Protein backbone atom coordinates (compact mmCIF):
# COMPACT_ATOMS: atom_id res chain seq x y z
CA MET A 1 0.00 0.09 0.10
CA ASN A 2 1.62 3.41 -1.12
CA ASN A 3 1.13 6.61 0.84
CA ALA A 4 -1.86 7.83 -0.96
CA GLN A 5 -3.54 4.59 -0.73
CA ARG A 6 -2.87 4.58 2.87
CA ARG A 7 -4.31 8.00 3.50
CA ILE A 8 -7.41 7.26 1.60
CA PHE A 9 -7.76 3.91 3.61
CA ILE A 10 -7.32 5.97 7.11
CA LEU A 11 -9.72 8.76 6.11
CA SER A 12 -12.30 6.18 5.44
CA LEU A 13 -11.92 4.54 8.71
CA ILE A 14 -11.98 8.02 10.62
CA PHE A 15 -15.13 9.12 8.87
CA LEU A 16 -16.87 5.79 9.34
CA VAL A 17 -15.98 5.82 13.02
CA THR A 18 -16.67 9.44 13.90
CA GLY A 19 -19.77 9.62 11.58
CA TYR A 20 -18.47 12.83 9.83
CA ASN A 21 -20.06 13.03 6.35
CA GLY A 22 -19.16 16.55 5.54
CA ILE A 23 -22.70 17.85 5.52
CA VAL A 24 -23.52 21.09 7.30
CA SER A 25 -25.96 23.71 6.46
CA ALA A 26 -24.70 26.74 4.60
CA GLY A 27 -27.69 28.85 5.28
CA GLU A 28 -29.77 30.71 2.86
CA ASN A 29 -27.05 31.46 0.21
CA ALA A 30 -25.66 28.05 -0.39
CA GLY A 31 -26.78 27.89 -3.95
CA GLY A 32 -28.83 29.26 -6.60
CA SER A 33 -28.09 31.87 -9.27
CA ASN A 34 -27.57 35.65 -8.47
CA GLN A 35 -28.93 35.32 -4.93
CA ILE A 36 -28.02 38.67 -2.96
CA ALA A 37 -27.17 37.93 0.56
CA ASP A 38 -29.52 39.28 3.23
CA ASP A 39 -27.19 41.88 4.34
CA GLY A 40 -26.79 42.96 0.66
CA SER A 41 -22.97 42.61 0.70
CA ILE A 42 -22.46 39.72 -1.53
CA ILE A 43 -23.81 38.24 -4.84
CA THR A 44 -23.60 34.60 -5.43
CA SER A 45 -24.02 32.68 -8.84
CA THR A 46 -23.32 29.50 -10.43
CA VAL A 47 -20.85 30.11 -13.35
CA TRP A 48 -19.55 28.14 -16.25
CA TYR A 49 -16.20 28.31 -18.05
CA VAL A 50 -13.99 26.14 -20.36
CA SER A 51 -11.41 23.63 -18.65
CA GLY A 52 -9.53 21.92 -21.47
CA ALA A 53 -11.94 20.15 -23.66
CA ASP A 54 -14.64 20.55 -21.08
CA THR A 55 -17.16 23.22 -19.73
CA VAL A 56 -17.21 23.10 -16.04
CA SER A 57 -19.16 24.92 -13.42
CA ALA A 58 -18.39 26.57 -10.07
CA TYR A 59 -20.08 28.40 -7.27
CA LEU A 60 -18.95 32.22 -7.25
CA ALA A 61 -19.28 34.56 -4.40
CA VAL A 62 -18.44 38.08 -4.86
CA PRO A 63 -18.52 41.25 -2.81
CA LYS A 64 -21.43 43.66 -3.96
CA GLY A 65 -19.78 46.52 -5.76
CA GLU A 66 -17.56 47.20 -8.54
CA GLY A 67 -14.07 46.01 -7.23
CA LYS A 68 -11.38 45.13 -8.26
CA PHE A 69 -11.40 42.50 -5.48
CA PRO A 70 -8.63 40.19 -4.64
CA ALA A 71 -9.75 36.46 -5.42
CA LEU A 72 -9.62 32.97 -4.13
CA ILE A 73 -9.93 29.41 -5.67
CA VAL A 74 -11.70 27.49 -3.05
CA ILE A 75 -11.16 23.67 -3.26
CA HIS A 76 -13.60 21.18 -1.78
CA GLU A 77 -12.91 18.24 0.64
CA TRP A 78 -13.08 14.68 -0.67
CA TRP A 79 -17.06 14.92 -0.23
CA GLY A 80 -17.28 17.25 -3.28
CA LEU A 81 -18.75 20.74 -3.68
CA THR A 82 -20.87 20.72 -0.44
CA PRO A 83 -22.85 23.44 1.20
CA TRP A 84 -19.98 23.89 3.49
CA MET A 85 -17.67 24.88 0.86
CA LYS A 86 -20.27 27.36 -0.74
CA SER A 87 -20.58 28.86 2.82
CA ASN A 88 -17.03 29.29 3.08
CA ALA A 89 -16.89 30.95 -0.31
CA ASP A 90 -19.74 33.24 1.13
CA SER A 91 -17.63 34.06 3.99
CA PHE A 92 -14.67 35.06 2.03
CA ALA A 93 -16.79 37.39 -0.02
CA LYS A 94 -18.19 38.94 3.02
CA LYS A 95 -14.62 39.91 3.87
CA GLY A 96 -13.87 41.44 0.57
CA TYR A 97 -12.64 38.63 -1.49
CA ALA A 98 -14.06 37.15 -4.75
CA ALA A 99 -14.46 33.51 -4.11
CA LEU A 100 -14.60 30.59 -6.64
CA ALA A 101 -15.54 27.29 -5.21
CA ILE A 102 -14.65 25.07 -7.93
CA ASP A 103 -16.23 21.44 -8.54
CA LEU A 104 -13.47 19.06 -9.21
CA TYR A 105 -15.85 16.18 -9.33
CA ARG A 106 -17.92 17.65 -12.17
CA GLY A 107 -21.28 17.62 -10.16
CA LYS A 108 -20.70 14.56 -8.11
CA SER A 109 -20.82 14.86 -4.31
CA THR A 110 -21.50 12.31 -1.38
CA SER A 111 -21.95 11.98 2.36
CA ASP A 112 -20.87 8.18 2.33
CA PRO A 113 -17.22 7.95 3.12
CA LYS A 114 -17.04 4.69 0.98
CA GLU A 115 -18.47 6.59 -2.01
CA ALA A 116 -15.87 9.38 -1.31
CA MET A 117 -13.22 6.89 -1.15
CA ASP A 118 -14.24 5.63 -4.79
CA LEU A 119 -14.44 9.27 -6.23
CA VAL A 120 -10.67 9.85 -4.86
CA LYS A 121 -9.69 6.53 -6.17
CA ASN A 122 -10.92 7.14 -9.58
CA PHE A 123 -9.81 10.79 -9.78
CA SER A 124 -7.55 12.09 -12.52
CA LYS A 125 -4.88 14.34 -10.80
CA GLU A 126 -3.89 15.67 -14.58
CA ARG A 127 -7.45 16.73 -15.08
CA ALA A 128 -7.66 18.35 -11.83
CA ILE A 129 -4.50 20.43 -12.54
CA ILE A 130 -6.18 21.55 -15.72
CA ASP A 131 -9.24 22.52 -13.90
CA LEU A 132 -7.12 24.56 -11.32
CA LYS A 133 -5.49 26.44 -14.14
CA ALA A 134 -8.82 27.03 -15.65
CA ALA A 135 -10.06 28.39 -12.59
CA PHE A 136 -7.35 30.77 -12.22
CA ASN A 137 -7.76 31.95 -15.86
CA TYR A 138 -11.49 32.43 -15.39
CA LEU A 139 -10.79 34.66 -12.25
CA THR A 140 -8.19 36.70 -14.24
CA GLY A 141 -10.90 37.48 -16.97
CA LEU A 142 -13.46 38.84 -14.47
CA PRO A 143 -13.47 42.73 -14.69
CA ASN A 144 -14.25 43.02 -10.87
CA VAL A 145 -11.22 40.79 -9.86
CA ASN A 146 -7.72 42.02 -9.45
CA SER A 147 -5.70 39.45 -11.68
CA GLN A 148 -2.53 40.25 -9.52
CA LYS A 149 -4.06 39.04 -6.32
CA ILE A 150 -5.34 35.48 -6.74
CA GLY A 151 -4.71 32.71 -4.14
CA SER A 152 -5.84 29.27 -3.36
CA ILE A 153 -7.38 27.63 -0.36
CA GLY A 154 -8.59 24.01 0.32
CA TRP A 155 -9.27 21.45 2.91
CA CYS A 156 -8.52 17.82 3.26
CA PHE A 157 -8.39 16.47 -0.34
CA GLY A 158 -8.79 20.18 -1.63
CA GLY A 159 -5.93 21.13 0.75
CA GLY A 160 -3.75 18.89 -1.21
CA TYR A 161 -4.90 20.48 -4.42
CA SER A 162 -4.39 24.07 -3.02
CA PHE A 163 -0.59 22.87 -2.83
CA GLN A 164 -0.81 21.59 -6.45
CA SER A 165 -2.13 24.91 -7.43
CA ALA A 166 1.04 26.60 -5.93
CA LEU A 167 3.26 23.99 -7.73
CA ASN A 168 1.52 24.52 -11.15
CA ILE A 169 0.50 28.08 -11.15
CA PRO A 170 3.51 30.35 -10.93
CA GLN A 171 1.40 33.54 -10.89
CA LEU A 172 -0.44 32.47 -7.74
CA THR A 173 -0.24 35.09 -4.84
CA LEU A 174 -0.77 32.88 -2.00
CA CYS A 175 -1.50 29.19 -1.04
CA ILE A 176 -3.43 28.02 2.01
CA VAL A 177 -3.46 24.33 2.91
CA ASN A 178 -5.79 23.04 5.51
CA TYR A 179 -4.79 19.53 6.56
CA GLY A 180 -3.96 18.52 3.00
CA THR A 181 -1.20 16.51 1.48
CA LEU A 182 2.19 18.09 1.23
CA SER A 183 5.60 17.19 -0.39
CA SER A 184 9.12 17.39 1.10
CA ASP A 185 10.78 16.96 -2.27
CA GLU A 186 12.74 19.80 -2.63
CA SER A 187 12.96 19.44 -6.40
CA LEU A 188 9.16 19.99 -6.40
CA ILE A 189 8.66 22.72 -3.83
CA LYS A 190 11.31 24.89 -5.44
CA ASN A 191 8.45 25.59 -8.15
CA ILE A 192 6.44 27.44 -5.50
CA HIS A 193 6.83 31.36 -5.67
CA CYS A 194 4.12 32.43 -3.20
CA PRO A 195 3.89 32.62 0.74
CA MET A 196 1.92 29.60 2.07
CA LEU A 197 -0.04 29.00 5.28
CA CYS A 198 -0.39 25.30 6.36
CA ILE A 199 -2.69 24.57 9.03
CA PHE A 200 -2.95 20.98 10.74
CA GLY A 201 -4.07 19.24 13.92
CA ASP A 202 -1.30 17.96 15.89
CA GLU A 203 -3.40 14.55 16.25
CA ASP A 204 -4.12 14.29 12.60
CA LYS A 205 -4.19 10.41 11.83
CA ALA A 206 -4.53 10.94 8.01
CA ILE A 207 -1.87 13.54 7.35
CA LEU A 208 0.77 12.46 9.77
CA PRO A 209 2.45 15.48 11.78
CA ASP A 210 5.97 14.04 10.87
CA SER A 211 5.29 14.36 7.04
CA VAL A 212 4.10 17.98 7.71
CA LYS A 213 7.51 18.70 9.74
CA ALA A 214 9.44 17.03 6.80
CA PHE A 215 7.76 19.66 4.69
CA ASP A 216 8.51 22.52 7.02
CA LYS A 217 12.10 21.40 7.04
CA ALA A 218 12.48 21.32 3.18
CA ALA A 219 10.74 24.59 2.89
CA LYS A 220 13.14 26.38 5.35
CA ASP A 221 16.12 24.70 3.68
CA ILE A 222 15.29 26.24 0.06
CA GLY A 223 14.03 29.65 1.63
CA LEU A 224 10.31 28.89 0.81
CA ASN A 225 7.97 31.22 2.85
CA ALA A 226 5.64 28.48 4.30
CA ASP A 227 4.06 29.25 7.64
CA VAL A 228 3.20 25.82 9.22
CA ARG A 229 0.94 25.98 12.09
CA PHE A 230 -0.11 22.82 14.37
CA PHE A 231 -3.19 23.43 16.50
CA PRO A 232 -3.41 21.27 19.75
CA GLY A 233 -5.68 18.60 20.62
CA VAL A 234 -7.36 18.18 17.26
CA GLY A 235 -7.22 15.79 14.40
CA HIS A 236 -8.19 15.72 10.81
CA ALA A 237 -11.09 17.78 9.38
CA PHE A 238 -11.41 19.85 12.71
CA MET A 239 -12.58 22.98 10.96
CA ASN A 240 -15.91 21.32 9.53
CA PRO A 241 -18.90 21.56 11.84
CA GLY A 242 -20.17 18.52 10.08
CA ASN A 243 -17.37 16.51 11.77
CA LYS A 244 -19.52 15.76 14.84
CA ASN A 245 -16.76 14.18 16.97
CA GLY A 246 -13.78 16.03 15.46
CA TYR A 247 -14.97 19.63 15.09
CA LYS A 248 -13.60 21.81 17.84
CA LYS A 249 -15.16 25.30 17.63
CA GLU A 250 -12.59 27.26 19.66
CA ILE A 251 -9.78 25.63 17.67
CA ALA A 252 -11.50 26.17 14.36
CA ASP A 253 -12.41 29.89 15.13
CA LEU A 254 -8.69 30.40 15.98
CA ALA A 255 -7.67 28.62 12.59
CA TRP A 256 -10.16 31.11 10.73
CA GLU A 257 -8.41 34.11 12.34
CA ASN A 258 -5.21 32.93 11.31
CA ILE A 259 -6.61 32.46 7.80
CA PHE A 260 -8.08 35.73 7.44
CA SER A 261 -5.09 37.48 9.03
CA PHE A 262 -2.84 35.73 6.49
CA LEU A 263 -5.36 36.87 3.58
CA ASP A 264 -5.27 40.37 4.68
CA LYS A 265 -1.68 40.70 4.84
CA ASN A 266 -0.73 38.83 1.69
CA LEU A 267 -3.80 39.26 -0.66
CA LYS A 268 -5.62 42.30 0.25
CA ASN A 269 -2.81 44.63 1.06
């Protein structure tokens, strides 16, 4: 069993045992087209754009007004594009960021860990990278987006693909990885040209702390601006309220404070 297969297997066990299915209410603005938030501060819509030979859809949340706004590619967990991901995009928009929550599964989502495991096992990394680049290009073409200020953020499966965004999109302004797969291969990470924030629980059984520390050491060795932070007493997926036994509100709130501080420093300013 290789490292990727091991992580998939452990994730499935964690979510089967804890009852975590990734589902949590996103409120009134989780979907729909051109829905204006109750406070009048954001506009949300489903958008379509070309990715390779395909046309793909995503959930876009933008602040109300003309912009130009800094922007984020928001990348989902292994469950797919769930209401929680859309809610996160809304939260970013309310803070002044255009947020494109992409759908790497092309319309598929699940609350069943076994189905999620199958989606990941049959997933094409090559196609995902094409989709990530297409999402970046889509954002650069929006008249209300600052094309020089685009970052990526993801959780779990999406955290790993936020890391892949930094590896494959040299124009990326920043990268945030929330308990996603990293690499300590210096020949790879030397291709990253943006600051990174990496958030992990010190009790994560899916992304082992030792592997994160190896990345941290490699990043320091080559001078990569990577801020690696371990949060105490929490494991994998501790930020998602749908993780019934693993969600820790106080720690999740602290992680969100870290994220918005990092965004304000590196993307908004």
